[in-house]
Each structure stands twice: as C-alpha cells, then as structure tokens.
Amino acid sequence: MTEKVTARCSWAQTAGKELQQVIPTRHSDEDVFEKPDLDDVIDEERAVLFSNNDCPSIPCELQFQISPNFKIAAITLVCSAPKVEVFVGPTQEYLETIYGTSLEEQEADIPIRPYRYDVEIDRSGIAEINLKLLTSAKEICVYGAMLHIAPNPNGITTQQQKPFDIQKIQELLQKGGASGCSNQADENDEKLQKFLCMMKGLSCPAQPNPMPPATDADVSPSVQQQIDAKFEQLQLTITKRLDEFEAQQTAKLDRIIAMLEKKK
C-alpha cells in the first residue's frame, strides 16, 4: 500500500512530473533494512530535473513528509549530487553527511552522473526529512527515490496533551477543605489555576506571599458553608471534565488503532 507523500524542492523544476507524484513508499516491517533493487527505484517516469540558474547561492533541498501515523525508517535516493546532508524532524535536526555511491564508472563520459544513497533513519517517530544536495552544478537530476516507512507508535502519543497527575490534582483539591480561612475563595482560584496549568503541561507562575491565616472567628458559619458548597461543586465539575476528557482520548485511540489494523 502506497501512502501519500508531501514532497518539494527548493530549486525550480524544469522537467518531469510533480515530485510528490513520483515518490513511492514501501512498508518496512523487518528489523534489518533491505536495500531495494535499483529497478524498483529509478524509472523514466520518475526522473525529475531541477535547475537554479537565477540564484546559485540557494542550495538544492528535497523535503519529504508523511502522515504522523507512520515513520520514515529509511530513504533510497538516486540523484546527480555526489554528497548529501540529512536533516530530520520538524526542527530539521542535522543527522549526517553522506557521499553517494557512483553507479557508473569514473572514466565514463556521462554529463550527469548518478549517485545512490540508502539512508537509514535510526530515530523514533520521524515523519519529516530534508536532504540538502551538495554540488557545484546548476542542474540536478533526481532519477528516483523511495521512502521506507513503518507504523509510528509516537504518532499516537506525541500528539496528545502532556499527561497530568490525577493524584496530585485530587490532593490539591482536598487540601484546605477544612482549614477554614478567610481567603478560601482566593485559594480556590489558585487551585483552579494550578489545575489548568497541569492540564496544559505548563509550569505555574509564582504566587505572591500569602496573607496570614485568619481565625475561625473571622468566618461566619453561613459563609463557611457556602464556600464549602462551592468548593465541592467545583471538585465535582473538574472530576466530570476529567472523566469526559479521558473517555474522548480513549475513543480516539481506539479509532486510530482500528485504522492501523485495517492497513496491515
């Protein structure tokens, strides 16, 4: 099954079909990467020519991206550039520099010499890859390319919000329930703010120095009863929201797993 590939080049295309239409994918479930046959990679219908006569200072970069449900395990490329720099991930982290293997004899009189690259991506969850083709030529021919992909377990987990500690939230909500201080409403606001910070995976801002605790005589029984009732209602609302959020995430994971199982 061929997955959709988003592909682009920083140089102008002068011949061939649209780049992303000629990049096939191959599912790779083996622990050991097996290089594909050359005939499975290159083809007259897959050859693409790029040029950059106007701005020679701009390097030729090939960018490939697939659905985050999959990861790029390796890439096979046959092009006319003798050296390639590899960058991976959304931050374009530098991975390595590779010299291609020439497919023709050095003595042969070939205007655009083909070089082969088989690059394994030993990283988890890589769905984007950028290849910088290093050459002094003003034209580059891509004879063919193939992405070797596999199911990406990080495609499920990395797109979720940062996990939050339910036990810490419950302890936070239960603290001070019986403390009976005049600043109970302010403390409830602070607890709610900390809860929202945990939900978003953020660090909570520093709180100002608290006021000295008031005595029980400063709070009337009726006011204390209203505060306790509101606090209990807030706790029930937050617990309900947590249950709904967990149910939604579980249903989403079930749908994604079912889709992945159908594609096997």
C-alpha atoms as a PDB file:
ATOM      1  CA  MET A   1       0.000   0.000   0.000  1.00  0.00           C
ATOM      2  CA  THR A   2       1.382   3.385  -1.023  1.00  0.00           C
ATOM      3  CA  GLU A   3       0.974   6.224   1.467  1.00  0.00           C
ATOM      4  CA  LYS A   4       0.698   9.853   0.419  1.00  0.00           C
ATOM      5  CA  VAL A   5       3.992  11.733   0.411  1.00  0.00           C
ATOM      6  CA  THR A   6       4.321  15.502   0.549  1.00  0.00           C
ATOM      7  CA  ALA A   7       7.490  16.429  -1.359  1.00  0.00           C
ATOM      8  CA  ARG A   8       9.007  19.694  -2.558  1.00  0.00           C
ATOM      9  CA  CYS A   9      12.297  21.083  -3.850  1.00  0.00           C
ATOM     10  CA  SER A  10      13.873  24.493  -3.263  1.00  0.00           C
ATOM     11  CA  TRP A  11      15.011  24.669  -6.910  1.00  0.00           C
ATOM     12  CA  ALA A  12      12.762  25.217  -9.898  1.00  0.00           C
ATOM     13  CA  GLN A  13      11.548  22.082 -11.654  1.00  0.00           C
ATOM     14  CA  THR A  14      12.286  22.108 -15.391  1.00  0.00           C
ATOM     15  CA  ALA A  15      11.300  18.581 -16.457  1.00  0.00           C
ATOM     16  CA  GLY A  16       9.363  15.571 -15.236  1.00  0.00           C
ATOM     17  CA  LYS A  17       6.177  15.033 -13.265  1.00  0.00           C
ATOM     18  CA  GLU A  18       5.373  16.702  -9.977  1.00  0.00           C
ATOM     19  CA  LEU A  19       7.860  15.468  -7.382  1.00  0.00           C
ATOM     20  CA  GLN A  20       5.397  14.102  -4.828  1.00  0.00           C
ATOM     21  CA  GLN A  21       3.642  12.102  -7.555  1.00  0.00           C
ATOM     22  CA  VAL A  22       6.746  10.038  -8.326  1.00  0.00           C
ATOM     23  CA  ILE A  23       7.902   9.157  -4.777  1.00  0.00           C
ATOM     24  CA  PRO A  24       6.651   5.671  -3.846  1.00  0.00           C
ATOM     25  CA  THR A  25       6.585   4.254  -0.319  1.00  0.00           C
ATOM     26  CA  ARG A  26       7.387   0.741   0.819  1.00  0.00           C
ATOM     27  CA  HIS A  27       6.331  -0.691   4.152  1.00  0.00           C
ATOM     28  CA  SER A  28       9.308  -1.925   6.114  1.00  0.00           C
ATOM     29  CA  ASP A  29       8.446  -4.307   8.952  1.00  0.00           C
ATOM     30  CA  GLU A  30      11.803  -6.035   9.153  1.00  0.00           C
ATOM     31  CA  ASP A  31      14.385  -5.269  11.828  1.00  0.00           C
ATOM     32  CA  VAL A  32      17.122  -5.286   9.179  1.00  0.00           C
ATOM     33  CA  PHE A  33      16.876  -2.743   6.371  1.00  0.00           C
ATOM     34  CA  GLU A  34      16.960  -4.367   2.948  1.00  0.00           C
ATOM     35  CA  LYS A  35      18.066  -2.166   0.076  1.00  0.00           C
ATOM     36  CA  PRO A  36      15.607  -2.226  -2.806  1.00  0.00           C
ATOM     37  CA  ASP A  37      16.582  -3.249  -6.312  1.00  0.00           C
ATOM     38  CA  LEU A  38      17.645  -0.347  -8.481  1.00  0.00           C
ATOM     39  CA  ASP A  39      14.860  -1.092 -10.969  1.00  0.00           C
ATOM     40  CA  ASP A  40      12.292  -0.551  -8.195  1.00  0.00           C
ATOM     41  CA  VAL A  41      13.639   2.938  -7.509  1.00  0.00           C
ATOM     42  CA  ILE A  42      14.518   4.542 -10.831  1.00  0.00           C
ATOM     43  CA  ASP A  43      12.277   4.811 -13.860  1.00  0.00           C
ATOM     44  CA  GLU A  44      11.875   7.152 -16.812  1.00  0.00           C
ATOM     45  CA  GLU A  45       8.506   8.212 -15.440  1.00  0.00           C
ATOM     46  CA  ARG A  46      10.055   9.098 -12.077  1.00  0.00           C
ATOM     47  CA  ALA A  47      13.002  11.178 -13.291  1.00  0.00           C
ATOM     48  CA  VAL A  48      12.778  14.862 -12.366  1.00  0.00           C
ATOM     49  CA  LEU A  49      15.148  17.687 -13.355  1.00  0.00           C
ATOM     50  CA  PHE A  50      15.751  20.797 -11.235  1.00  0.00           C
ATOM     51  CA  SER A  51      17.765  23.914 -12.038  1.00  0.00           C
ATOM     52  CA  ASN A  52      18.796  27.116 -10.313  1.00  0.00           C
ATOM     53  CA  ASN A  53      20.364  29.483 -12.832  1.00  0.00           C
ATOM     54  CA  ASP A  54      18.982  32.644 -11.242  1.00  0.00           C
ATOM     55  CA  CYS A  55      20.074  32.180  -7.626  1.00  0.00           C
ATOM     56  CA  PRO A  56      23.150  29.939  -7.449  1.00  0.00           C
ATOM     57  CA  SER A  57      23.592  30.655  -3.738  1.00  0.00           C
ATOM     58  CA  ILE A  58      20.400  28.767  -2.830  1.00  0.00           C
ATOM     59  CA  PRO A  59      21.209  25.097  -2.071  1.00  0.00           C
ATOM     60  CA  CYS A  60      19.057  22.376  -3.575  1.00  0.00           C
ATOM     61  CA  GLU A  61      16.923  20.874  -0.811  1.00  0.00           C
ATOM     62  CA  LEU A  62      14.494  17.985  -1.102  1.00  0.00           C
ATOM     63  CA  GLN A  63      11.845  17.835   1.615  1.00  0.00           C
ATOM     64  CA  PHE A  64       9.683  14.769   2.279  1.00  0.00           C
ATOM     65  CA  GLN A  65       6.858  14.388   4.771  1.00  0.00           C
ATOM     66  CA  ILE A  66       4.322  11.638   5.506  1.00  0.00           C
ATOM     67  CA  SER A  67       1.380  11.191   7.861  1.00  0.00           C
ATOM     68  CA  PRO A  68       2.450  11.071  11.540  1.00  0.00           C
ATOM     69  CA  ASN A  69       0.727   7.676  11.777  1.00  0.00           C
ATOM     70  CA  PHE A  70       3.863   6.402  10.030  1.00  0.00           C
ATOM     71  CA  LYS A  71       7.580   6.984  10.466  1.00  0.00           C
ATOM     72  CA  ILE A  72      10.339   7.182   7.867  1.00  0.00           C
ATOM     73  CA  ALA A  73      12.590   4.207   8.582  1.00  0.00           C
ATOM     74  CA  ALA A  74      14.891   4.799   5.603  1.00  0.00           C
ATOM     75  CA  ILE A  75      15.117   6.553   2.239  1.00  0.00           C
ATOM     76  CA  THR A  76      16.657   5.467  -1.042  1.00  0.00           C
ATOM     77  CA  LEU A  77      17.674   8.228  -3.454  1.00  0.00           C
ATOM     78  CA  VAL A  78      19.388   8.214  -6.836  1.00  0.00           C
ATOM     79  CA  CYS A  79      20.458  11.670  -7.997  1.00  0.00           C
ATOM     80  CA  SER A  80      23.305  13.548  -9.654  1.00  0.00           C
ATOM     81  CA  ALA A  81      24.646  15.160  -6.450  1.00  0.00           C
ATOM     82  CA  PRO A  82      27.800  13.466  -5.083  1.00  0.00           C
ATOM     83  CA  LYS A  83      27.163  14.472  -1.447  1.00  0.00           C
ATOM     84  CA  VAL A  84      24.047  14.870   0.682  1.00  0.00           C
ATOM     85  CA  GLU A  85      23.392  16.346   4.126  1.00  0.00           C
ATOM     86  CA  VAL A  86      20.489  14.788   6.050  1.00  0.00           C
ATOM     87  CA  PHE A  87      18.200  16.685   8.430  1.00  0.00           C
ATOM     88  CA  VAL A  88      15.239  15.106  10.256  1.00  0.00           C
ATOM     89  CA  GLY A  89      12.181  16.076  12.265  1.00  0.00           C
ATOM     90  CA  PRO A  90      10.121  19.264  12.429  1.00  0.00           C
ATOM     91  CA  THR A  91      13.126  21.169  13.838  1.00  0.00           C
ATOM     92  CA  GLN A  92      15.331  19.957  10.958  1.00  0.00           C
ATOM     93  CA  GLU A  93      17.963  18.450  13.250  1.00  0.00           C
ATOM     94  CA  TYR A  94      21.215  17.621  11.461  1.00  0.00           C
ATOM     95  CA  LEU A  95      21.739  13.858  11.214  1.00  0.00           C
ATOM     96  CA  GLU A  96      24.730  13.132   8.965  1.00  0.00           C
ATOM     97  CA  THR A  97      26.594  13.866   5.723  1.00  0.00           C
ATOM     98  CA  ILE A  98      26.857  11.056   3.180  1.00  0.00           C
ATOM     99  CA  TYR A  99      28.821  10.565  -0.033  1.00  0.00           C
ATOM    100  CA  GLY A 100      26.855   8.738  -2.694  1.00  0.00           C
ATOM    101  CA  THR A 101      27.869   5.556  -4.424  1.00  0.00           C
ATOM    102  CA  SER A 102      28.529   6.182  -8.127  1.00  0.00           C
ATOM    103  CA  LEU A 103      26.510   3.890 -10.384  1.00  0.00           C
ATOM    104  CA  GLU A 104      28.771   4.465 -13.408  1.00  0.00           C
ATOM    105  CA  GLU A 105      32.480   4.034 -13.978  1.00  0.00           C
ATOM    106  CA  GLN A 106      34.532   7.129 -13.230  1.00  0.00           C
ATOM    107  CA  GLU A 107      36.090   7.037 -16.695  1.00  0.00           C
ATOM    108  CA  ALA A 108      32.755   7.066 -18.474  1.00  0.00           C
ATOM    109  CA  ASP A 109      31.835  10.294 -20.228  1.00  0.00           C
ATOM    110  CA  ILE A 110      28.492  10.999 -18.519  1.00  0.00           C
ATOM    111  CA  PRO A 111      27.210  14.592 -18.338  1.00  0.00           C
ATOM    112  CA  ILE A 112      25.054  13.936 -15.262  1.00  0.00           C
ATOM    113  CA  ARG A 113      26.494  11.094 -13.186  1.00  0.00           C
ATOM    114  CA  PRO A 114      24.039   9.169 -10.957  1.00  0.00           C
ATOM    115  CA  TYR A 115      24.806   8.511  -7.282  1.00  0.00           C
ATOM    116  CA  ARG A 116      22.872   6.194  -4.997  1.00  0.00           C
ATOM    117  CA  TYR A 117      22.024   6.806  -1.335  1.00  0.00           C
ATOM    118  CA  ASP A 118      20.438   4.366   1.129  1.00  0.00           C
ATOM    119  CA  VAL A 119      19.952   6.250   4.383  1.00  0.00           C
ATOM    120  CA  GLU A 120      18.565   4.548   7.491  1.00  0.00           C
ATOM    121  CA  ILE A 121      16.846   6.855   9.998  1.00  0.00           C
ATOM    122  CA  ASP A 122      17.671   5.429  13.408  1.00  0.00           C
ATOM    123  CA  ARG A 123      15.255   7.737  15.217  1.00  0.00           C
ATOM    124  CA  SER A 124      11.792   7.169  16.630  1.00  0.00           C
ATOM    125  CA  GLY A 125       8.795   8.932  15.154  1.00  0.00           C
ATOM    126  CA  ILE A 126      10.497  10.753  12.249  1.00  0.00           C
ATOM    127  CA  ALA A 127       7.839  11.781   9.712  1.00  0.00           C
ATOM    128  CA  GLU A 128       9.811  14.626   8.063  1.00  0.00           C
ATOM    129  CA  ILE A 129      13.188  14.509   6.329  1.00  0.00           C
ATOM    130  CA  ASN A 130      15.177  17.145   4.475  1.00  0.00           C
ATOM    131  CA  LEU A 131      18.022  16.315   2.089  1.00  0.00           C
ATOM    132  CA  LYS A 132      20.453  19.043   1.097  1.00  0.00           C
ATOM    133  CA  LEU A 133      22.066  18.067  -2.210  1.00  0.00           C
ATOM    134  CA  LEU A 134      25.626  19.415  -2.357  1.00  0.00           C
ATOM    135  CA  THR A 135      27.021  20.058  -5.830  1.00  0.00           C
ATOM    136  CA  SER A 136      28.551  22.862  -7.875  1.00  0.00           C
ATOM    137  CA  ALA A 137      26.314  22.078 -10.862  1.00  0.00           C
ATOM    138  CA  LYS A 138      23.413  24.326 -11.777  1.00  0.00           C
ATOM    139  CA  GLU A 139      21.215  21.360 -12.639  1.00  0.00           C
ATOM    140  CA  ILE A 140      20.341  18.311 -10.557  1.00  0.00           C
ATOM    141  CA  CYS A 141      18.570  15.232 -11.811  1.00  0.00           C
ATOM    142  CA  VAL A 142      16.626  13.026  -9.409  1.00  0.00           C
ATOM    143  CA  TYR A 143      16.405   9.653 -11.151  1.00  0.00           C
ATOM    144  CA  GLY A 144      14.209   8.166  -8.462  1.00  0.00           C
ATOM    145  CA  ALA A 145      13.525   7.984  -4.741  1.00  0.00           C
ATOM    146  CA  MET A 146      11.682   5.690  -2.339  1.00  0.00           C
ATOM    147  CA  LEU A 147      10.593   6.142   1.271  1.00  0.00           C
ATOM    148  CA  HIS A 148      10.683   3.081   3.509  1.00  0.00           C
ATOM    149  CA  ILE A 149       8.019   3.570   6.177  1.00  0.00           C
ATOM    150  CA  ALA A 150       6.654   1.717   9.207  1.00  0.00           C
ATOM    151  CA  PRO A 151       3.819   2.249  11.706  1.00  0.00           C
ATOM    152  CA  ASN A 152       4.698   5.060  14.058  1.00  0.00           C
ATOM    153  CA  PRO A 153       3.733   4.442  17.703  1.00  0.00           C
ATOM    154  CA  ASN A 154       4.715   8.036  18.517  1.00  0.00           C
ATOM    155  CA  GLY A 155       2.128   9.262  16.033  1.00  0.00           C
ATOM    156  CA  ILE A 156      -0.499   8.305  18.596  1.00  0.00           C
ATOM    157  CA  THR A 157       1.078   9.515  21.809  1.00  0.00           C
ATOM    158  CA  THR A 158       3.100  12.579  20.813  1.00  0.00           C
ATOM    159  CA  GLN A 159       0.068  14.498  19.554  1.00  0.00           C
ATOM    160  CA  GLN A 160      -1.742  14.288  22.871  1.00  0.00           C
ATOM    161  CA  GLN A 161      -1.509  16.756  25.656  1.00  0.00           C
ATOM    162  CA  LYS A 162       1.127  16.167  28.306  1.00  0.00           C
ATOM    163  CA  PRO A 163      -0.149  13.612  30.853  1.00  0.00           C
ATOM    164  CA  PHE A 164      -1.336  15.068  34.129  1.00  0.00           C
ATOM    165  CA  ASP A 165      -1.135  13.553  37.606  1.00  0.00           C
ATOM    166  CA  ILE A 166      -4.666  12.781  38.828  1.00  0.00           C
ATOM    167  CA  GLN A 167      -3.445  12.037  42.352  1.00  0.00           C
ATOM    168  CA  LYS A 168      -1.755  15.431  42.637  1.00  0.00           C
ATOM    169  CA  ILE A 169      -4.917  17.159  41.410  1.00  0.00           C
ATOM    170  CA  GLN A 170      -7.065  15.334  43.961  1.00  0.00           C
ATOM    171  CA  GLU A 171      -4.634  16.154  46.755  1.00  0.00           C
ATOM    172  CA  LEU A 172      -4.603  19.757  45.598  1.00  0.00           C
ATOM    173  CA  LEU A 173      -8.401  19.958  45.655  1.00  0.00           C
ATOM    174  CA  GLN A 174      -8.689  18.295  49.048  1.00  0.00           C
ATOM    175  CA  LYS A 175      -6.097  20.492  50.749  1.00  0.00           C
ATOM    176  CA  GLY A 176      -7.504  23.191  52.930  1.00  0.00           C
ATOM    177  CA  GLY A 177     -11.085  21.946  52.639  1.00  0.00           C
ATOM    178  CA  ALA A 178     -11.314  22.028  56.405  1.00  0.00           C
ATOM    179  CA  SER A 179      -8.812  24.810  57.034  1.00  0.00           C
ATOM    180  CA  GLY A 180     -11.476  27.496  57.363  1.00  0.00           C
ATOM    181  CA  CYS A 181      -9.525  30.623  56.432  1.00  0.00           C
ATOM    182  CA  SER A 182     -10.957  33.916  55.186  1.00  0.00           C
ATOM    183  CA  ASN A 183      -9.015  33.640  51.931  1.00  0.00           C
ATOM    184  CA  GLN A 184     -10.770  30.381  50.955  1.00  0.00           C
ATOM    185  CA  ALA A 185     -12.127  31.834  47.698  1.00  0.00           C
ATOM    186  CA  ASP A 186      -8.678  33.077  46.684  1.00  0.00           C
ATOM    187  CA  GLU A 187      -7.227  29.653  47.470  1.00  0.00           C
ATOM    188  CA  ASN A 188      -9.882  28.026  45.293  1.00  0.00           C
ATOM    189  CA  ASP A 189      -8.893  30.316  42.405  1.00  0.00           C
ATOM    190  CA  GLU A 190      -5.251  29.399  42.951  1.00  0.00           C
ATOM    191  CA  LYS A 191      -6.083  25.672  42.994  1.00  0.00           C
ATOM    192  CA  LEU A 192      -8.077  26.018  39.786  1.00  0.00           C
ATOM    193  CA  GLN A 193      -5.202  27.914  38.131  1.00  0.00           C
ATOM    194  CA  LYS A 194      -2.729  25.193  39.139  1.00  0.00           C
ATOM    195  CA  PHE A 195      -5.126  22.556  37.807  1.00  0.00           C
ATOM    196  CA  LEU A 196      -5.336  24.302  34.446  1.00  0.00           C
ATOM    197  CA  CYS A 197      -1.541  24.554  34.342  1.00  0.00           C
ATOM    198  CA  MET A 198      -1.256  20.817  34.894  1.00  0.00           C
ATOM    199  CA  MET A 199      -3.787  20.129  32.143  1.00  0.00           C
ATOM    200  CA  LYS A 200      -1.747  22.205  29.687  1.00  0.00           C
ATOM    201  CA  GLY A 201       1.596  20.782  30.794  1.00  0.00           C
ATOM    202  CA  LEU A 202       2.839  24.205  31.878  1.00  0.00           C
ATOM    203  CA  SER A 203       4.666  25.361  34.971  1.00  0.00           C
ATOM    204  CA  CYS A 204       2.505  27.533  37.168  1.00  0.00           C
ATOM    205  CA  PRO A 205       3.577  31.141  37.772  1.00  0.00           C
ATOM    206  CA  ALA A 206       4.956  32.087  41.133  1.00  0.00           C
ATOM    207  CA  GLN A 207       2.250  33.058  43.594  1.00  0.00           C
ATOM    208  CA  PRO A 208       2.506  36.155  45.821  1.00  0.00           C
ATOM    209  CA  ASN A 209       3.223  35.722  49.503  1.00  0.00           C
ATOM    210  CA  PRO A 210       0.017  34.510  51.199  1.00  0.00           C
ATOM    211  CA  MET A 211      -1.744  36.612  53.797  1.00  0.00           C
ATOM    212  CA  PRO A 212      -1.592  35.413  57.387  1.00  0.00           C
ATOM    213  CA  PRO A 213      -4.325  32.836  58.059  1.00  0.00           C
ATOM    214  CA  ALA A 214      -7.412  34.152  59.748  1.00  0.00           C
ATOM    215  CA  THR A 215      -9.009  32.613  62.810  1.00  0.00           C
ATOM    216  CA  ASP A 216     -12.280  30.699  62.803  1.00  0.00           C
ATOM    217  CA  ALA A 217     -13.971  33.683  64.391  1.00  0.00           C
ATOM    218  CA  ASP A 218     -13.353  35.745  61.230  1.00  0.00           C
ATOM    219  CA  VAL A 219     -15.563  33.460  59.131  1.00  0.00           C
ATOM    220  CA  SER A 220     -19.226  33.034  59.964  1.00  0.00           C
ATOM    221  CA  PRO A 221     -20.719  29.525  59.751  1.00  0.00           C
ATOM    222  CA  SER A 222     -23.071  30.547  56.921  1.00  0.00           C
ATOM    223  CA  VAL A 223     -20.233  31.954  54.799  1.00  0.00           C
ATOM    224  CA  GLN A 224     -18.064  28.915  55.503  1.00  0.00           C
ATOM    225  CA  GLN A 225     -20.951  26.647  54.473  1.00  0.00           C
ATOM    226  CA  GLN A 226     -21.383  28.495  51.175  1.00  0.00           C
ATOM    227  CA  ILE A 227     -17.629  28.296  50.466  1.00  0.00           C
ATOM    228  CA  ASP A 228     -17.573  24.571  51.210  1.00  0.00           C
ATOM    229  CA  ALA A 229     -20.586  24.005  48.927  1.00  0.00           C
ATOM    230  CA  LYS A 230     -18.988  25.929  46.055  1.00  0.00           C
ATOM    231  CA  PHE A 231     -15.709  24.104  46.551  1.00  0.00           C
ATOM    232  CA  GLU A 232     -17.489  20.737  46.466  1.00  0.00           C
ATOM    233  CA  GLN A 233     -19.334  21.755  43.294  1.00  0.00           C
ATOM    234  CA  LEU A 234     -16.028  22.837  41.711  1.00  0.00           C
ATOM    235  CA  GLN A 235     -14.445  19.497  42.587  1.00  0.00           C
ATOM    236  CA  LEU A 236     -17.380  17.570  41.069  1.00  0.00           C
ATOM    237  CA  THR A 237     -17.212  19.685  37.889  1.00  0.00           C
ATOM    238  CA  ILE A 238     -13.479  19.111  37.474  1.00  0.00           C
ATOM    239  CA  THR A 239     -13.867  15.370  38.109  1.00  0.00           C
ATOM    240  CA  LYS A 240     -16.601  15.207  35.457  1.00  0.00           C
ATOM    241  CA  ARG A 241     -14.432  17.091  32.962  1.00  0.00           C
ATOM    242  CA  LEU A 242     -11.538  14.714  33.619  1.00  0.00           C
ATOM    243  CA  ASP A 243     -13.765  11.684  33.056  1.00  0.00           C
ATOM    244  CA  GLU A 244     -15.111  13.161  29.795  1.00  0.00           C
ATOM    245  CA  PHE A 245     -11.599  14.026  28.590  1.00  0.00           C
ATOM    246  CA  GLU A 246     -10.315  10.519  29.356  1.00  0.00           C
ATOM    247  CA  ALA A 247     -13.290   8.949  27.549  1.00  0.00           C
ATOM    248  CA  GLN A 248     -12.687  11.123  24.461  1.00  0.00           C
ATOM    249  CA  GLN A 249      -8.979  10.221  24.354  1.00  0.00           C
ATOM    250  CA  THR A 250      -9.766   6.511  24.751  1.00  0.00           C
ATOM    251  CA  ALA A 251     -12.290   6.645  21.901  1.00  0.00           C
ATOM    252  CA  LYS A 252      -9.800   8.498  19.693  1.00  0.00           C
ATOM    253  CA  LEU A 253      -7.068   5.921  20.362  1.00  0.00           C
ATOM    254  CA  ASP A 254      -9.485   3.086  19.581  1.00  0.00           C
ATOM    255  CA  ARG A 255     -10.337   4.673  16.203  1.00  0.00           C
ATOM    256  CA  ILE A 256      -6.660   5.193  15.319  1.00  0.00           C
ATOM    257  CA  ILE A 257      -5.709   1.632  16.307  1.00  0.00           C
ATOM    258  CA  ALA A 258      -8.610   0.270  14.254  1.00  0.00           C
ATOM    259  CA  MET A 259      -7.454   2.270  11.215  1.00  0.00           C
ATOM    260  CA  LEU A 260      -3.885   0.997  11.598  1.00  0.00           C
ATOM    261  CA  GLU A 261      -5.067  -2.596  11.862  1.00  0.00           C
ATOM    262  CA  LYS A 262      -7.050  -2.240   8.626  1.00  0.00           C
ATOM    263  CA  LYS A 263      -3.948  -1.029   6.772  1.00  0.00           C
ATOM    264  CA  LYS A 264      -1.823  -4.016   7.788  1.00  0.00           C
END
